[in-house]
Amino acid sequence: MIELVFSVQDLARTRFSSSPMDHLLLGAVGAARGHYVGGSSTRERWWRRVRAQAPAKAAPFIELVNASSEGMPDFLGADLLGHCRRLSDELDDITAVRDDVVRSDLARYEQVPRLPRIVEELRDEGSAALRRVADAAWALHRACLAPDWSDMERVLQADIQRRARTTAEHGPGAMLGTLHPQLAWHDRGVLEYTEPPGFDGVWSVPLEGRGLELRPSLFLQEGVGFLLQDGRQPAVFHPVTPGAHRDGPPDTGDGLAVLLGPAKARALRAIGPGKGTAELARCLGIKPPAASAHAAALRAAGLLATTRQGRAVRHTLTPLGTDLLDANPG
């Protein structure tokens, strides 16, 4: 059993945040690892769909995340304020971690055979090697997570808004008691995790006025995760409200979104008679690399053709793409 002990000050300092890094970490971790707390069918579907797009440059990040069954290094959890985190800010925070913290976190790997090269580099170089980890994480994000992140973020924010309403109507204790079936709130000021996997006894953690950061995740389903480090605000990673996925575009009766995913369905519709990558990005409200990734996926599916015009490119619908849009009007 794990107990988080709240004071009045802790309840006042409890807050929500959404994090692309959280999803990148859980997206990259193998389901066979002992620290993989529950997983989710959403994560499995996402990884099956995008794993072929994972670039070789992402290998150091994926290898580090999966290096030990004892868990990930704590320095991969960025310590930031803010309601909607940006991956660039999270990676900047990670690359600023001190040498002694990096080497201390890697002590858990002392008994692990056949460590990946990136762990040895971090041991030898300390924080200087974190830039390679950050670059690998960014490569994985750009290729696999960024095209879907805007849709995922909407679901996460909807979950946060629901819980904020529960807090306003019934109080913070009632909200904390709804985070997960195995999390129970007690009026003595304790949030209790009743059956943490692989954990015996009772671990009582006073929050000591630091409050609690609540971070919803689409890549958790059966379990919850904790980040309990000295010198920073504790965090709980919890699943989104059951059924929250149905608030998103894939389940609104849009067959095109069910087939392609909501982000790529919007991209296909936005291309219309033809658009360049920058124009498509502006239309969708995303960055050009994400628009380029959408176009590449749609081109691979035979739904659009790309032609070069000088230094620019132009994307146009193929007959198959046109037929698909005609059969699935927005």
Protein backbone atom coordinates (compact mmCIF):
# COMPACT_ATOMS: atom_id res chain seq x y z
CA MET A 1 0.00 0.00 0.00
CA ILE A 2 1.18 3.51 -0.82
CA GLU A 3 -0.23 6.44 1.14
CA LEU A 4 0.11 10.08 0.11
CA VAL A 5 -0.51 12.22 3.19
CA PHE A 6 -2.05 15.66 2.49
CA SER A 7 -2.19 18.81 4.57
CA VAL A 8 -4.57 21.68 3.81
CA GLN A 9 -1.65 23.38 2.05
CA ASP A 10 -1.11 20.28 -0.11
CA LEU A 11 -4.74 20.27 -1.23
CA ALA A 12 -4.41 23.95 -2.15
CA ARG A 13 -1.31 23.20 -4.24
CA THR A 14 -2.68 20.20 -6.13
CA ARG A 15 -2.77 20.89 -9.87
CA PHE A 16 -3.13 19.22 -13.28
CA SER A 17 -0.78 19.16 -16.23
CA SER A 18 -0.56 17.32 -19.56
CA SER A 19 2.78 16.18 -20.92
CA PRO A 20 3.93 14.90 -24.33
CA MET A 21 7.05 13.50 -22.64
CA ASP A 22 4.91 11.28 -20.40
CA HIS A 23 3.30 9.79 -23.49
CA LEU A 24 6.59 9.45 -25.30
CA LEU A 25 8.05 7.52 -22.36
CA LEU A 26 5.07 5.19 -21.98
CA GLY A 27 4.77 4.86 -25.75
CA ALA A 28 8.38 3.71 -26.04
CA VAL A 29 8.50 1.35 -23.08
CA GLY A 30 8.06 -2.37 -23.72
CA ALA A 31 4.98 -4.00 -22.21
CA ALA A 32 7.13 -6.79 -20.72
CA ARG A 33 9.01 -4.39 -18.47
CA GLY A 34 8.18 -4.53 -14.78
CA HIS A 35 7.76 -0.77 -14.49
CA TYR A 36 5.13 -0.66 -17.23
CA VAL A 37 2.17 0.16 -15.01
CA GLY A 38 -0.87 -1.33 -16.67
CA GLY A 39 -0.54 -0.12 -20.23
CA SER A 40 -3.60 0.58 -22.32
CA SER A 41 -5.28 -0.60 -25.48
CA THR A 42 -4.91 2.96 -26.79
CA ARG A 43 -1.15 2.75 -26.41
CA GLU A 44 -1.00 -0.66 -28.09
CA ARG A 45 -3.07 0.50 -31.07
CA TRP A 46 -1.00 3.65 -31.38
CA TRP A 47 2.32 1.76 -31.31
CA ARG A 48 1.18 -0.85 -33.84
CA ARG A 49 0.23 1.97 -36.18
CA VAL A 50 3.39 4.08 -35.85
CA ARG A 51 6.22 1.68 -34.99
CA ALA A 52 7.26 1.29 -38.63
CA GLN A 53 7.81 5.07 -38.71
CA ALA A 54 10.15 5.11 -35.68
CA PRO A 55 13.50 6.41 -37.00
CA ALA A 56 16.87 4.84 -36.26
CA LYS A 57 17.87 8.11 -34.59
CA ALA A 58 15.32 7.39 -31.83
CA ALA A 59 17.18 4.24 -30.71
CA PRO A 60 19.14 5.79 -27.77
CA PHE A 61 15.93 7.05 -26.17
CA ILE A 62 14.04 3.76 -26.66
CA GLU A 63 17.01 1.75 -25.38
CA LEU A 64 17.42 3.93 -22.28
CA VAL A 65 13.72 3.69 -21.41
CA ASN A 66 13.87 -0.12 -21.66
CA ALA A 67 17.34 -0.68 -20.18
CA SER A 68 16.14 -1.97 -16.79
CA SER A 69 13.09 -3.78 -15.45
CA GLU A 70 13.52 -1.70 -12.28
CA GLY A 71 12.24 1.44 -13.96
CA MET A 72 13.28 4.47 -15.96
CA PRO A 73 15.85 7.02 -14.76
CA ASP A 74 14.19 9.75 -12.72
CA PHE A 75 16.01 12.43 -14.72
CA LEU A 76 13.69 11.68 -17.66
CA GLY A 77 10.85 13.31 -15.71
CA ALA A 78 11.08 17.04 -16.40
CA ASP A 79 10.37 19.31 -13.43
CA LEU A 80 8.27 22.13 -14.88
CA LEU A 81 5.31 24.30 -14.03
CA GLY A 82 2.55 24.80 -16.57
CA HIS A 83 -0.83 23.39 -17.50
CA CYS A 84 -0.01 22.25 -21.05
CA ARG A 85 3.63 21.28 -21.32
CA ARG A 86 5.63 21.52 -24.53
CA LEU A 87 8.13 18.81 -25.39
CA SER A 88 10.83 21.35 -26.25
CA ASP A 89 10.61 22.78 -22.72
CA GLU A 90 10.65 19.32 -21.16
CA LEU A 91 13.74 18.31 -23.14
CA ASP A 92 15.51 21.56 -22.22
CA ASP A 93 14.86 20.78 -18.55
CA ILE A 94 16.17 17.23 -18.93
CA THR A 95 19.39 18.31 -20.64
CA ALA A 96 20.06 20.69 -17.73
CA VAL A 97 20.20 17.86 -15.16
CA ARG A 98 23.48 17.82 -13.19
CA ASP A 99 26.18 15.17 -13.71
CA ASP A 100 25.84 13.77 -10.18
CA VAL A 101 22.08 13.32 -10.59
CA VAL A 102 22.54 11.47 -13.89
CA ARG A 103 25.12 9.09 -12.43
CA SER A 104 23.09 8.54 -9.25
CA ASP A 105 19.97 7.62 -11.23
CA LEU A 106 21.97 5.14 -13.31
CA ALA A 107 23.08 3.27 -10.19
CA ARG A 108 20.00 1.08 -10.59
CA TYR A 109 21.65 -0.43 -13.67
CA GLU A 110 24.72 -1.79 -11.85
CA GLN A 111 23.47 -5.40 -11.97
CA VAL A 112 21.94 -5.23 -15.44
CA PRO A 113 23.79 -7.34 -18.04
CA ARG A 114 24.30 -6.15 -21.60
CA LEU A 115 23.53 -2.51 -21.07
CA PRO A 116 22.81 -0.42 -24.17
CA ARG A 117 25.53 1.92 -25.32
CA ILE A 118 23.66 5.06 -24.28
CA VAL A 119 23.77 3.99 -20.60
CA GLU A 120 27.54 3.59 -20.77
CA GLU A 121 27.85 6.99 -22.44
CA LEU A 122 25.75 8.61 -19.72
CA ARG A 123 27.89 6.97 -17.04
CA ASP A 124 31.09 8.16 -18.71
CA GLU A 125 30.01 11.63 -19.84
CA GLY A 126 27.26 12.51 -17.38
CA SER A 127 24.92 15.29 -18.47
CA ALA A 128 26.94 15.93 -21.64
CA ALA A 129 25.38 12.77 -23.12
CA LEU A 130 21.83 13.93 -22.36
CA ARG A 131 21.74 15.90 -25.60
CA ARG A 132 21.86 12.61 -27.53
CA VAL A 133 18.93 11.33 -25.46
CA ALA A 134 16.98 14.54 -26.11
CA ASP A 135 17.68 14.42 -29.85
CA ALA A 136 16.52 10.79 -29.96
CA ALA A 137 13.33 11.65 -28.03
CA TRP A 138 12.62 14.54 -30.40
CA ALA A 139 13.10 12.27 -33.43
CA LEU A 140 10.62 9.74 -32.02
CA HIS A 141 8.14 12.48 -31.20
CA ARG A 142 8.36 14.12 -34.61
CA ALA A 143 7.91 10.85 -36.51
CA CYS A 144 5.35 9.07 -34.32
CA LEU A 145 3.62 11.24 -31.71
CA ALA A 146 3.47 14.77 -33.14
CA PRO A 147 0.93 13.97 -35.92
CA ASP A 148 -1.57 12.77 -33.27
CA TRP A 149 -0.68 15.00 -30.32
CA SER A 150 -3.24 17.76 -30.98
CA ASP A 151 -6.07 15.19 -30.86
CA MET A 152 -4.61 13.49 -27.80
CA GLU A 153 -4.21 16.85 -26.06
CA ARG A 154 -7.89 17.62 -26.58
CA VAL A 155 -8.88 14.38 -24.83
CA LEU A 156 -6.48 15.09 -21.95
CA GLN A 157 -7.81 18.62 -21.49
CA ALA A 158 -11.40 17.34 -21.55
CA ASP A 159 -10.48 14.91 -18.76
CA ILE A 160 -8.89 17.71 -16.72
CA GLN A 161 -11.99 19.87 -17.15
CA ARG A 162 -14.23 17.03 -15.92
CA ARG A 163 -12.13 16.59 -12.81
CA ALA A 164 -12.05 20.34 -12.22
CA ARG A 165 -15.86 20.32 -12.28
CA THR A 166 -15.90 17.47 -9.76
CA THR A 167 -13.60 19.50 -7.53
CA ALA A 168 -15.83 22.56 -7.80
CA GLU A 169 -19.02 20.61 -7.09
CA HIS A 170 -17.87 18.05 -4.50
CA GLY A 171 -14.44 19.12 -3.27
CA PRO A 172 -10.86 18.01 -3.96
CA GLY A 173 -11.14 14.81 -1.93
CA ALA A 174 -14.01 13.55 -4.07
CA MET A 175 -12.01 14.34 -7.20
CA LEU A 176 -8.92 12.51 -5.92
CA GLY A 177 -11.05 9.48 -5.17
CA THR A 178 -12.13 9.23 -8.82
CA LEU A 179 -8.63 9.08 -10.35
CA HIS A 180 -8.48 5.27 -10.37
CA PRO A 181 -10.48 2.36 -8.84
CA GLN A 182 -7.48 1.44 -6.66
CA LEU A 183 -6.96 4.99 -5.39
CA ALA A 184 -9.11 5.76 -2.35
CA TRP A 185 -9.45 9.13 -0.59
CA HIS A 186 -9.84 9.13 3.19
CA ASP A 187 -11.10 12.17 5.08
CA ARG A 188 -8.11 12.00 7.41
CA GLY A 189 -6.20 13.48 4.44
CA VAL A 190 -4.74 10.34 2.85
CA LEU A 191 -4.84 9.18 -0.76
CA GLU A 192 -4.29 5.43 -0.64
CA TYR A 193 -3.13 3.16 -3.47
CA THR A 194 -4.53 -0.13 -2.24
CA GLU A 195 -2.85 -2.72 -4.47
CA PRO A 196 0.34 -1.42 -6.09
CA PRO A 197 1.79 -4.26 -8.21
CA GLY A 198 4.93 -5.85 -6.78
CA PHE A 199 4.80 -3.82 -3.56
CA ASP A 200 4.41 -5.21 -0.05
CA GLY A 201 3.86 -3.36 3.22
CA VAL A 202 2.88 0.27 3.70
CA TRP A 203 4.81 3.25 2.33
CA SER A 204 3.57 6.51 3.76
CA VAL A 205 4.68 9.66 1.91
CA PRO A 206 3.90 13.04 3.55
CA LEU A 207 3.60 15.67 0.82
CA GLU A 208 4.94 18.32 3.25
CA GLY A 209 3.28 21.30 1.62
CA ARG A 210 4.56 20.53 -1.88
CA GLY A 211 1.12 19.61 -3.19
CA LEU A 212 0.55 17.04 -5.90
CA GLU A 213 0.75 17.19 -9.69
CA LEU A 214 -1.91 15.10 -11.45
CA ARG A 215 -0.96 14.03 -14.98
CA PRO A 216 -3.61 12.19 -17.01
CA SER A 217 -2.39 9.69 -19.58
CA LEU A 218 -3.98 8.02 -22.59
CA PHE A 219 -1.27 5.35 -22.38
CA LEU A 220 -2.33 4.08 -18.95
CA GLN A 221 -5.38 1.97 -18.29
CA GLU A 222 -5.07 -0.59 -15.51
CA GLY A 223 -2.54 1.10 -13.20
CA VAL A 224 -1.21 4.38 -11.90
CA GLY A 225 2.34 5.69 -11.69
CA PHE A 226 4.16 7.83 -9.14
CA LEU A 227 7.06 10.24 -9.32
CA LEU A 228 8.30 10.77 -5.76
CA GLN A 229 11.65 12.56 -5.80
CA ASP A 230 13.29 14.68 -3.14
CA GLY A 231 13.25 18.37 -3.92
CA ARG A 232 10.35 18.43 -6.36
CA GLN A 233 6.58 18.28 -6.38
CA PRO A 234 5.30 14.68 -6.28
CA ALA A 235 3.26 13.52 -9.28
CA VAL A 236 0.66 10.86 -9.98
CA PHE A 237 0.13 9.54 -13.51
CA HIS A 238 -3.42 8.26 -13.94
CA PRO A 239 -5.70 7.08 -16.77
CA VAL A 240 -8.18 9.42 -18.36
CA THR A 241 -11.83 9.02 -17.38
CA PRO A 242 -13.21 5.73 -18.76
CA GLY A 243 -14.98 6.50 -22.03
CA ALA A 244 -13.13 9.81 -22.53
CA HIS A 245 -11.71 8.45 -25.79
CA ARG A 246 -15.22 8.53 -27.18
CA ASP A 247 -15.22 12.31 -26.85
CA GLY A 248 -12.68 12.51 -29.65
CA PRO A 249 -13.25 12.59 -33.40
CA PRO A 250 -12.70 8.85 -34.08
CA ASP A 251 -16.02 7.88 -32.48
CA THR A 252 -18.30 10.61 -33.79
CA GLY A 253 -19.55 8.60 -36.76
CA ASP A 254 -16.89 9.93 -39.13
CA GLY A 255 -15.82 6.87 -41.10
CA LEU A 256 -12.81 8.67 -42.53
CA ALA A 257 -11.50 9.45 -39.04
CA VAL A 258 -12.06 5.83 -37.98
CA LEU A 259 -10.08 4.64 -41.01
CA LEU A 260 -7.22 7.13 -40.99
CA GLY A 261 -7.25 8.64 -37.54
CA PRO A 262 -8.69 12.12 -36.87
CA ALA A 263 -5.50 14.06 -37.61
CA LYS A 264 -4.90 12.47 -41.02
CA ALA A 265 -8.60 12.68 -41.89
CA ARG A 266 -8.50 16.45 -41.34
CA ALA A 267 -5.30 16.67 -43.38
CA LEU A 268 -6.87 14.81 -46.32
CA ARG A 269 -9.93 17.06 -46.24
CA ALA A 270 -7.80 20.20 -45.92
CA ILE A 271 -5.76 19.42 -49.06
CA GLY A 272 -8.81 19.96 -51.26
CA PRO A 273 -7.73 20.97 -54.77
CA GLY A 274 -4.10 21.06 -53.65
CA LYS A 275 -1.83 22.63 -51.06
CA GLY A 276 1.85 23.03 -50.27
CA THR A 277 3.23 21.73 -46.98
CA ALA A 278 3.45 25.17 -45.35
CA GLU A 279 -0.08 26.04 -46.50
CA LEU A 280 -1.39 22.71 -45.16
CA ALA A 281 0.33 23.34 -41.82
CA ARG A 282 -1.28 26.79 -41.53
CA CYS A 283 -4.68 25.37 -42.40
CA LEU A 284 -4.42 22.66 -39.74
CA GLY A 285 -2.78 24.88 -37.12
CA ILE A 286 0.28 22.62 -36.82
CA LYS A 287 3.98 22.92 -37.65
CA PRO A 288 5.28 22.08 -41.16
CA PRO A 289 7.16 18.90 -40.03
CA ALA A 290 3.89 17.48 -38.66
CA ALA A 291 2.05 18.45 -41.86
CA SER A 292 4.81 16.79 -43.89
CA ALA A 293 4.42 13.61 -41.80
CA HIS A 294 0.66 13.57 -42.48
CA ALA A 295 1.28 14.04 -46.20
CA ALA A 296 3.87 11.24 -46.26
CA ALA A 297 1.46 8.81 -44.59
CA LEU A 298 -1.40 9.74 -46.95
CA ARG A 299 0.92 9.47 -49.95
CA ALA A 300 2.05 6.00 -48.80
CA ALA A 301 -1.63 4.97 -48.63
CA GLY A 302 -2.15 6.13 -52.22
CA LEU A 303 -4.50 8.96 -51.25
CA LEU A 304 -2.46 11.88 -52.50
CA ALA A 305 0.34 12.66 -54.91
CA THR A 306 3.18 15.08 -54.31
CA THR A 307 4.88 17.06 -57.05
CA ARG A 308 7.80 19.44 -56.77
CA GLN A 309 7.47 23.04 -57.97
CA GLY A 310 10.91 24.61 -57.77
CA ARG A 311 11.94 24.49 -54.11
CA ALA A 312 8.38 23.83 -52.92
CA VAL A 313 6.10 20.78 -53.12
CA ARG A 314 2.38 20.56 -53.81
CA HIS A 315 0.07 17.82 -52.55
CA THR A 316 -3.02 16.86 -54.57
CA LEU A 317 -5.63 14.16 -54.15
CA THR A 318 -5.39 10.95 -56.16
CA PRO A 319 -8.59 9.44 -57.62
CA LEU A 320 -8.66 7.06 -54.63
CA GLY A 321 -8.36 10.00 -52.24
CA THR A 322 -11.14 11.86 -54.03
CA ASP A 323 -13.42 8.81 -53.95
CA LEU A 324 -12.73 8.34 -50.23
CA LEU A 325 -13.66 11.95 -49.49
CA ASP A 326 -16.80 11.72 -51.63
CA ALA A 327 -17.88 8.65 -49.66
CA ASN A 328 -17.13 10.34 -46.31
CA PRO A 329 -18.12 14.01 -46.46
CA GLY A 330 -16.93 16.06 -43.46
